Amino acid sequence: MFRWISKTLVLSASVLLLAACTIAPLKPAAPISVPTQLSQMQVRNAIITSLTGRGWTIDHSGHGNILSTLNLRGHSATIRVNYNRSTVSIAYVSSSDLEYRLKDGKPYIHRNYNGWIGYLEQDIRRNLQNTHYLGGK
């Protein structure tokens, strides 16, 4: 009987540890430098191309900012992309079913969120460079 209880406790602890591994510190996205000579509209278009290419929807687009949401397998994340002719920055706004929480004053979220933002950052950088190298076309 004791052996069965011990195995059950070990298994329960393992499951709890695996569940805890699904969250990670929310990494703030690094600012993205915009190549010189691009207009604000070209920057905006490169961002929108990157967002929609990764499945993000455009919820609102204003002067210098875009509110966008990704809905994926029952999870959602909303971000704000602020931009001008020199810098693009991505900020977390809200999420659903991504286990967002503050722990000791620091934000944590499902580890996939950081990957989604990392891929988006790469796409924005690439699209800005492509726009620059193609002469702004």
N, C-alpha and C. Protein backbone atom coordinates (compact mmCIF):
# COMPACT_ATOMS: atom_id res chain seq x y z
N MET A 1 0.82 -1.19 0.00
CA MET A 1 0.00 0.00 0.00
C MET A 1 0.87 1.27 0.00
N PHE A 2 1.93 1.24 0.87
CA PHE A 2 2.82 2.38 0.96
C PHE A 2 3.53 2.63 -0.38
N ARG A 3 3.92 1.56 -1.04
CA ARG A 3 4.59 1.68 -2.33
C ARG A 3 3.67 2.36 -3.36
N TRP A 4 2.40 1.99 -3.38
CA TRP A 4 1.42 2.59 -4.30
C TRP A 4 1.26 4.08 -4.02
N ILE A 5 1.20 4.46 -2.75
CA ILE A 5 1.06 5.87 -2.37
C ILE A 5 2.31 6.64 -2.79
N SER A 6 3.48 6.06 -2.59
CA SER A 6 4.74 6.71 -2.98
C SER A 6 4.79 6.94 -4.48
N LYS A 7 4.42 5.93 -5.26
CA LYS A 7 4.42 6.08 -6.71
C LYS A 7 3.43 7.15 -7.15
N THR A 8 2.27 7.18 -6.50
CA THR A 8 1.25 8.18 -6.84
C THR A 8 1.76 9.58 -6.54
N LEU A 9 2.42 9.76 -5.40
CA LEU A 9 2.96 11.07 -5.05
C LEU A 9 4.06 11.51 -6.01
N VAL A 10 4.93 10.59 -6.39
CA VAL A 10 6.00 10.92 -7.33
C VAL A 10 5.40 11.29 -8.69
N LEU A 11 4.43 10.52 -9.14
CA LEU A 11 3.78 10.81 -10.42
C LEU A 11 3.07 12.16 -10.37
N SER A 12 2.38 12.46 -9.28
CA SER A 12 1.68 13.74 -9.13
C SER A 12 2.66 14.90 -9.14
N ALA A 13 3.77 14.73 -8.43
CA ALA A 13 4.78 15.79 -8.41
C ALA A 13 5.37 16.00 -9.80
N SER A 14 5.59 14.93 -10.54
CA SER A 14 6.13 15.05 -11.90
C SER A 14 5.17 15.80 -12.81
N VAL A 15 3.89 15.48 -12.70
CA VAL A 15 2.88 16.16 -13.52
C VAL A 15 2.84 17.64 -13.18
N LEU A 16 2.91 17.99 -11.90
CA LEU A 16 2.91 19.39 -11.49
C LEU A 16 4.15 20.11 -12.02
N LEU A 17 5.29 19.46 -11.98
CA LEU A 17 6.51 20.08 -12.50
C LEU A 17 6.42 20.32 -14.00
N LEU A 18 5.89 19.36 -14.74
CA LEU A 18 5.72 19.53 -16.18
C LEU A 18 4.75 20.66 -16.48
N ALA A 19 3.67 20.76 -15.72
CA ALA A 19 2.69 21.84 -15.92
C ALA A 19 3.34 23.19 -15.65
N ALA A 20 4.17 23.27 -14.63
CA ALA A 20 4.84 24.52 -14.31
C ALA A 20 5.83 24.93 -15.40
N CYS A 21 6.34 23.96 -16.14
CA CYS A 21 7.31 24.25 -17.20
C CYS A 21 6.66 24.89 -18.42
N THR A 22 5.34 24.93 -18.49
CA THR A 22 4.69 25.53 -19.65
C THR A 22 4.71 27.05 -19.57
N ILE A 23 5.03 27.61 -18.39
CA ILE A 23 5.12 29.06 -18.32
C ILE A 23 6.58 29.48 -18.22
N ALA A 24 6.84 30.66 -18.71
CA ALA A 24 8.20 31.21 -18.70
C ALA A 24 8.09 32.71 -18.46
N PRO A 25 9.16 33.34 -18.04
CA PRO A 25 9.12 34.80 -17.92
C PRO A 25 8.75 35.44 -19.26
N LEU A 26 7.87 36.41 -19.24
CA LEU A 26 7.50 37.13 -20.45
C LEU A 26 8.70 38.01 -20.82
N LYS A 27 9.31 37.70 -21.96
CA LYS A 27 10.49 38.45 -22.40
C LYS A 27 10.02 39.71 -23.15
N PRO A 28 10.47 40.87 -22.71
CA PRO A 28 10.13 42.07 -23.48
C PRO A 28 10.82 42.02 -24.84
N ALA A 29 10.09 42.36 -25.87
CA ALA A 29 10.66 42.35 -27.22
C ALA A 29 11.67 43.49 -27.35
N ALA A 30 12.79 43.18 -27.97
CA ALA A 30 13.82 44.20 -28.19
C ALA A 30 13.36 45.18 -29.27
N PRO A 31 13.69 46.45 -29.12
CA PRO A 31 13.34 47.41 -30.18
C PRO A 31 14.01 47.02 -31.50
N ILE A 32 13.29 47.24 -32.57
CA ILE A 32 13.78 46.90 -33.91
C ILE A 32 14.14 48.20 -34.62
N SER A 33 15.38 48.28 -35.08
CA SER A 33 15.81 49.49 -35.80
C SER A 33 15.28 49.45 -37.22
N VAL A 34 14.83 50.61 -37.68
CA VAL A 34 14.31 50.75 -39.04
C VAL A 34 15.43 51.29 -39.93
N PRO A 35 15.66 50.64 -41.08
CA PRO A 35 16.68 51.17 -42.00
C PRO A 35 16.34 52.61 -42.41
N THR A 36 17.38 53.39 -42.66
CA THR A 36 17.17 54.78 -43.06
C THR A 36 16.46 54.84 -44.41
N GLN A 37 15.85 55.94 -44.66
CA GLN A 37 15.18 56.23 -45.93
C GLN A 37 13.80 55.59 -46.08
N LEU A 38 13.30 54.87 -45.09
CA LEU A 38 11.95 54.31 -45.20
C LEU A 38 10.94 55.30 -44.64
N SER A 39 9.84 55.42 -45.33
CA SER A 39 8.76 56.30 -44.84
C SER A 39 7.98 55.58 -43.75
N GLN A 40 7.20 56.33 -43.02
CA GLN A 40 6.36 55.75 -41.98
C GLN A 40 5.38 54.74 -42.59
N MET A 41 4.87 55.03 -43.78
CA MET A 41 3.94 54.11 -44.45
C MET A 41 4.64 52.81 -44.84
N GLN A 42 5.88 52.89 -45.28
CA GLN A 42 6.63 51.68 -45.62
C GLN A 42 6.89 50.83 -44.38
N VAL A 43 7.17 51.48 -43.27
CA VAL A 43 7.37 50.76 -42.00
C VAL A 43 6.06 50.08 -41.61
N ARG A 44 4.97 50.81 -41.68
CA ARG A 44 3.65 50.26 -41.35
C ARG A 44 3.34 49.05 -42.23
N ASN A 45 3.57 49.16 -43.52
CA ASN A 45 3.28 48.06 -44.44
C ASN A 45 4.13 46.83 -44.15
N ALA A 46 5.40 47.03 -43.80
CA ALA A 46 6.27 45.90 -43.46
C ALA A 46 5.77 45.20 -42.20
N ILE A 47 5.30 45.97 -41.23
CA ILE A 47 4.76 45.40 -39.99
C ILE A 47 3.48 44.61 -40.28
N ILE A 48 2.57 45.20 -41.04
CA ILE A 48 1.30 44.53 -41.34
C ILE A 48 1.55 43.25 -42.14
N THR A 49 2.47 43.29 -43.09
CA THR A 49 2.82 42.08 -43.84
C THR A 49 3.34 40.99 -42.90
N SER A 50 4.16 41.38 -41.94
CA SER A 50 4.71 40.43 -40.97
C SER A 50 3.62 39.85 -40.08
N LEU A 51 2.75 40.71 -39.57
CA LEU A 51 1.66 40.27 -38.70
C LEU A 51 0.73 39.29 -39.42
N THR A 52 0.24 39.70 -40.57
CA THR A 52 -0.73 38.87 -41.27
C THR A 52 -0.08 37.58 -41.79
N GLY A 53 1.20 37.63 -42.12
CA GLY A 53 1.92 36.44 -42.56
C GLY A 53 2.04 35.40 -41.47
N ARG A 54 1.98 35.82 -40.22
CA ARG A 54 2.04 34.91 -39.07
C ARG A 54 0.66 34.61 -38.49
N GLY A 55 -0.40 35.10 -39.14
CA GLY A 55 -1.75 34.79 -38.68
C GLY A 55 -2.34 35.76 -37.68
N TRP A 56 -1.67 36.88 -37.43
CA TRP A 56 -2.20 37.90 -36.53
C TRP A 56 -3.26 38.71 -37.27
N THR A 57 -4.30 39.10 -36.60
CA THR A 57 -5.32 39.98 -37.19
C THR A 57 -5.05 41.41 -36.74
N ILE A 58 -5.42 42.35 -37.58
CA ILE A 58 -5.26 43.77 -37.25
C ILE A 58 -6.56 44.23 -36.60
N ASP A 59 -6.51 44.54 -35.31
CA ASP A 59 -7.70 44.98 -34.59
C ASP A 59 -7.92 46.48 -34.73
N HIS A 60 -6.82 47.21 -34.74
CA HIS A 60 -6.90 48.67 -34.87
C HIS A 60 -5.55 49.15 -35.39
N SER A 61 -5.61 50.12 -36.27
CA SER A 61 -4.39 50.72 -36.80
C SER A 61 -4.53 52.22 -36.71
N GLY A 62 -3.66 52.84 -35.94
CA GLY A 62 -3.66 54.29 -35.81
C GLY A 62 -2.32 54.83 -36.27
N HIS A 63 -2.13 56.13 -36.10
CA HIS A 63 -0.86 56.75 -36.49
C HIS A 63 0.23 56.31 -35.53
N GLY A 64 1.13 55.46 -36.01
CA GLY A 64 2.25 55.02 -35.20
C GLY A 64 2.01 53.82 -34.31
N ASN A 65 0.83 53.20 -34.42
CA ASN A 65 0.62 52.00 -33.62
C ASN A 65 -0.41 51.08 -34.26
N ILE A 66 -0.25 49.80 -33.98
CA ILE A 66 -1.15 48.77 -34.49
C ILE A 66 -1.48 47.84 -33.33
N LEU A 67 -2.76 47.60 -33.12
CA LEU A 67 -3.22 46.63 -32.13
C LEU A 67 -3.55 45.35 -32.90
N SER A 68 -2.97 44.22 -32.47
CA SER A 68 -3.11 42.99 -33.23
C SER A 68 -3.32 41.80 -32.30
N THR A 69 -4.10 40.81 -32.77
CA THR A 69 -4.40 39.62 -31.97
C THR A 69 -4.09 38.36 -32.76
N LEU A 70 -3.53 37.39 -32.05
CA LEU A 70 -3.30 36.05 -32.60
C LEU A 70 -4.22 35.10 -31.87
N ASN A 71 -5.07 34.39 -32.62
CA ASN A 71 -5.94 33.35 -32.07
C ASN A 71 -5.42 32.02 -32.59
N LEU A 72 -5.01 31.16 -31.67
CA LEU A 72 -4.39 29.90 -32.06
C LEU A 72 -4.79 28.79 -31.10
N ARG A 73 -5.48 27.79 -31.62
CA ARG A 73 -5.87 26.61 -30.84
C ARG A 73 -6.53 26.97 -29.51
N GLY A 74 -7.46 27.89 -29.53
CA GLY A 74 -8.17 28.26 -28.31
C GLY A 74 -7.44 29.26 -27.43
N HIS A 75 -6.25 29.66 -27.81
CA HIS A 75 -5.48 30.65 -27.07
C HIS A 75 -5.48 31.95 -27.86
N SER A 76 -5.32 33.06 -27.15
CA SER A 76 -5.19 34.33 -27.87
C SER A 76 -4.22 35.24 -27.14
N ALA A 77 -3.56 36.06 -27.94
CA ALA A 77 -2.63 37.06 -27.40
C ALA A 77 -2.85 38.34 -28.19
N THR A 78 -2.88 39.46 -27.48
CA THR A 78 -3.03 40.76 -28.12
C THR A 78 -1.79 41.59 -27.80
N ILE A 79 -1.25 42.22 -28.84
CA ILE A 79 -0.05 43.05 -28.70
C ILE A 79 -0.30 44.42 -29.32
N ARG A 80 0.54 45.36 -28.94
CA ARG A 80 0.54 46.68 -29.57
C ARG A 80 1.92 46.86 -30.20
N VAL A 81 1.92 47.20 -31.48
CA VAL A 81 3.17 47.47 -32.18
C VAL A 81 3.24 48.98 -32.39
N ASN A 82 4.21 49.61 -31.75
CA ASN A 82 4.44 51.05 -31.93
C ASN A 82 5.59 51.22 -32.91
N TYR A 83 5.46 52.21 -33.78
CA TYR A 83 6.49 52.38 -34.80
C TYR A 83 6.61 53.84 -35.21
N ASN A 84 7.79 54.16 -35.73
CA ASN A 84 8.05 55.44 -36.39
C ASN A 84 9.13 55.17 -37.43
N ARG A 85 9.73 56.18 -37.96
CA ARG A 85 10.71 55.98 -39.04
C ARG A 85 12.05 55.45 -38.54
N SER A 86 12.22 55.34 -37.21
CA SER A 86 13.50 54.84 -36.71
C SER A 86 13.39 53.57 -35.87
N THR A 87 12.23 53.30 -35.26
CA THR A 87 12.13 52.16 -34.35
C THR A 87 10.75 51.51 -34.40
N VAL A 88 10.75 50.19 -34.22
CA VAL A 88 9.52 49.42 -34.05
C VAL A 88 9.63 48.72 -32.70
N SER A 89 8.56 48.77 -31.91
CA SER A 89 8.56 48.05 -30.63
C SER A 89 7.25 47.28 -30.48
N ILE A 90 7.35 46.13 -29.83
CA ILE A 90 6.20 45.25 -29.62
C ILE A 90 5.96 45.15 -28.12
N ALA A 91 4.71 45.35 -27.70
CA ALA A 91 4.38 45.27 -26.28
C ALA A 91 3.19 44.35 -26.05
N TYR A 92 3.27 43.54 -25.03
CA TYR A 92 2.16 42.67 -24.61
C TYR A 92 1.02 43.54 -24.12
N VAL A 93 -0.22 43.20 -24.52
CA VAL A 93 -1.41 43.91 -24.05
C VAL A 93 -2.25 42.99 -23.17
N SER A 94 -2.63 41.83 -23.72
CA SER A 94 -3.47 40.90 -22.96
C SER A 94 -3.42 39.53 -23.61
N SER A 95 -4.02 38.54 -22.92
CA SER A 95 -4.06 37.20 -23.48
C SER A 95 -5.19 36.42 -22.84
N SER A 96 -5.51 35.29 -23.47
CA SER A 96 -6.53 34.39 -22.97
C SER A 96 -5.99 32.97 -23.06
N ASP A 97 -6.12 32.23 -21.98
CA ASP A 97 -5.66 30.83 -21.90
C ASP A 97 -4.17 30.67 -22.17
N LEU A 98 -3.37 31.67 -21.82
CA LEU A 98 -1.92 31.57 -21.95
C LEU A 98 -1.24 31.65 -20.58
N GLU A 99 -2.02 31.45 -19.52
CA GLU A 99 -1.49 31.36 -18.16
C GLU A 99 -0.71 32.60 -17.73
N TYR A 100 -1.08 33.78 -18.24
CA TYR A 100 -0.38 35.01 -17.85
C TYR A 100 -0.59 35.25 -16.36
N ARG A 101 0.50 35.58 -15.69
CA ARG A 101 0.40 35.91 -14.26
C ARG A 101 1.62 36.71 -13.84
N LEU A 102 1.45 37.44 -12.76
CA LEU A 102 2.58 38.11 -12.13
C LEU A 102 3.05 37.23 -10.98
N LYS A 103 4.34 36.99 -10.95
CA LYS A 103 4.93 36.17 -9.90
C LYS A 103 6.10 36.95 -9.34
N ASP A 104 5.99 37.35 -8.09
CA ASP A 104 7.00 38.20 -7.46
C ASP A 104 7.20 39.49 -8.25
N GLY A 105 6.11 40.02 -8.79
CA GLY A 105 6.15 41.28 -9.53
C GLY A 105 6.64 41.17 -10.96
N LYS A 106 6.94 39.94 -11.41
CA LYS A 106 7.44 39.74 -12.78
C LYS A 106 6.40 38.98 -13.59
N PRO A 107 6.20 39.39 -14.86
CA PRO A 107 5.19 38.71 -15.69
C PRO A 107 5.67 37.37 -16.22
N TYR A 108 4.78 36.39 -16.18
CA TYR A 108 5.02 35.07 -16.74
C TYR A 108 3.88 34.74 -17.69
N ILE A 109 4.16 33.92 -18.69
CA ILE A 109 3.17 33.55 -19.69
C ILE A 109 3.56 32.20 -20.29
N HIS A 110 2.64 31.59 -21.00
CA HIS A 110 2.93 30.32 -21.66
C HIS A 110 4.17 30.52 -22.54
N ARG A 111 5.07 29.55 -22.49
CA ARG A 111 6.36 29.70 -23.18
C ARG A 111 6.22 29.91 -24.68
N ASN A 112 5.14 29.45 -25.28
CA ASN A 112 4.96 29.63 -26.73
C ASN A 112 4.83 31.11 -27.11
N TYR A 113 4.30 31.94 -26.22
CA TYR A 113 4.14 33.37 -26.54
C TYR A 113 5.48 33.99 -26.92
N ASN A 114 6.53 33.72 -26.14
CA ASN A 114 7.85 34.28 -26.45
C ASN A 114 8.34 33.84 -27.83
N GLY A 115 8.04 32.60 -28.21
CA GLY A 115 8.42 32.13 -29.54
C GLY A 115 7.65 32.85 -30.63
N TRP A 116 6.35 33.05 -30.42
CA TRP A 116 5.53 33.75 -31.41
C TRP A 116 6.07 35.16 -31.64
N ILE A 117 6.42 35.84 -30.56
CA ILE A 117 6.94 37.21 -30.67
C ILE A 117 8.33 37.20 -31.31
N GLY A 118 9.14 36.23 -30.98
CA GLY A 118 10.47 36.12 -31.59
C GLY A 118 10.38 35.95 -33.10
N TYR A 119 9.48 35.07 -33.56
CA TYR A 119 9.30 34.89 -35.01
C TYR A 119 8.78 36.17 -35.65
N LEU A 120 7.87 36.85 -34.97
CA LEU A 120 7.32 38.09 -35.51
C LEU A 120 8.42 39.15 -35.63
N GLU A 121 9.27 39.26 -34.62
CA GLU A 121 10.40 40.20 -34.68
C GLU A 121 11.30 39.91 -35.88
N GLN A 122 11.61 38.64 -36.10
CA GLN A 122 12.45 38.25 -37.25
C GLN A 122 11.79 38.66 -38.56
N ASP A 123 10.48 38.41 -38.67
CA ASP A 123 9.78 38.75 -39.90
C ASP A 123 9.75 40.26 -40.14
N ILE A 124 9.54 41.03 -39.07
CA ILE A 124 9.52 42.49 -39.22
C ILE A 124 10.89 42.98 -39.68
N ARG A 125 11.95 42.49 -39.04
CA ARG A 125 13.32 42.88 -39.45
C ARG A 125 13.56 42.55 -40.93
N ARG A 126 13.20 41.33 -41.33
CA ARG A 126 13.41 40.90 -42.71
C ARG A 126 12.60 41.76 -43.68
N ASN A 127 11.33 42.02 -43.36
CA ASN A 127 10.50 42.82 -44.26
C ASN A 127 10.96 44.27 -44.35
N LEU A 128 11.46 44.81 -43.25
CA LEU A 128 12.02 46.17 -43.30
C LEU A 128 13.27 46.19 -44.18
N GLN A 129 14.14 45.20 -44.02
CA GLN A 129 15.35 45.14 -44.84
C GLN A 129 15.01 44.94 -46.32
N ASN A 130 14.05 44.06 -46.59
CA ASN A 130 13.66 43.83 -47.98
C ASN A 130 13.10 45.10 -48.61
N THR A 131 12.30 45.83 -47.86
CA THR A 131 11.76 47.09 -48.37
C THR A 131 12.90 48.06 -48.65
N HIS A 132 13.86 48.12 -47.76
CA HIS A 132 15.01 49.01 -47.93
C HIS A 132 15.84 48.61 -49.16
N TYR A 133 16.14 47.32 -49.29
CA TYR A 133 16.98 46.88 -50.39
C TYR A 133 16.28 46.96 -51.75
N LEU A 134 14.96 46.87 -51.72
CA LEU A 134 14.21 46.98 -52.97
C LEU A 134 13.90 48.43 -53.33
N GLY A 135 14.52 49.33 -52.62
CA GLY A 135 14.35 50.76 -52.91
C GLY A 135 13.00 51.28 -52.47
N GLY A 136 12.43 50.65 -51.44
CA GLY A 136 11.18 51.15 -50.89
C GLY A 136 9.96 50.74 -51.67
N LYS A 137 10.08 49.80 -52.57
CA LYS A 137 8.94 49.37 -53.38
C LYS A 137 8.01 48.49 -52.59
